Protein backbone atom coordinates (compact mmCIF):
# COMPACT_ATOMS: atom_id res chain seq x y z
CA MET A 1 84.68 64.61 73.92
CA LEU A 2 81.02 65.57 73.51
CA THR A 3 81.82 67.95 70.67
CA SER A 4 83.72 65.20 68.84
CA ILE A 5 80.73 62.89 69.16
CA THR A 6 78.17 65.45 67.99
CA LYS A 7 80.32 66.36 64.97
CA GLY A 8 80.60 62.72 63.95
CA LYS A 9 84.34 62.52 64.52
CA ARG A 10 83.96 59.97 67.30
CA VAL A 11 81.38 57.28 68.01
CA MET A 12 79.47 57.01 71.26
CA ASN A 13 80.77 54.24 73.48
CA THR A 14 79.57 52.94 76.82
CA SER A 15 81.71 54.98 79.21
CA PRO A 16 80.82 58.50 78.00
CA ALA A 17 77.25 57.41 77.30
CA LEU A 18 76.72 56.40 80.92
CA LYS A 19 78.29 59.62 82.20
CA ILE A 20 76.18 61.83 79.94
CA GLU A 21 72.99 59.91 80.70
CA GLU A 22 73.59 60.19 84.44
CA ALA A 23 74.33 63.92 84.19
CA LEU A 24 71.17 64.53 82.18
CA GLY A 25 68.98 62.14 84.16
CA LEU A 26 68.30 59.92 81.16
CA GLU A 27 67.63 56.20 81.12
CA GLU A 28 70.74 54.02 80.87
CA GLY A 29 71.36 52.89 77.32
CA TYR A 30 69.61 55.81 75.63
CA PHE A 31 72.68 57.04 73.77
CA MET A 32 73.88 53.55 72.90
CA ILE A 33 70.52 52.84 71.25
CA LEU A 34 70.83 56.07 69.26
CA GLN A 35 74.35 55.04 68.20
CA VAL A 36 73.10 51.69 66.93
CA TYR A 37 70.36 53.37 64.87
CA TYR A 38 72.94 55.78 63.46
CA ASN A 39 75.26 52.90 62.55
CA ILE A 40 72.40 51.11 60.78
CA GLU A 41 71.58 54.20 58.72
CA GLN A 42 75.23 54.67 57.79
CA GLU A 43 75.48 51.05 56.71
CA LYS A 44 72.38 51.45 54.51
CA LYS A 45 73.91 54.52 52.86
CA ASP A 46 77.13 52.63 52.15
CA GLU A 47 75.33 49.79 50.37
């Protein structure tokens, strides 16, 4: 799962994000915020 996400083959969604954040002791929502920024950059490239 994590490898698929880091290679761009799969997007981050809430369930794995929460699990990874908890395991790493990160603030909830950290990875979802990164995913949104990534999506914005991809959209800009596509325009």
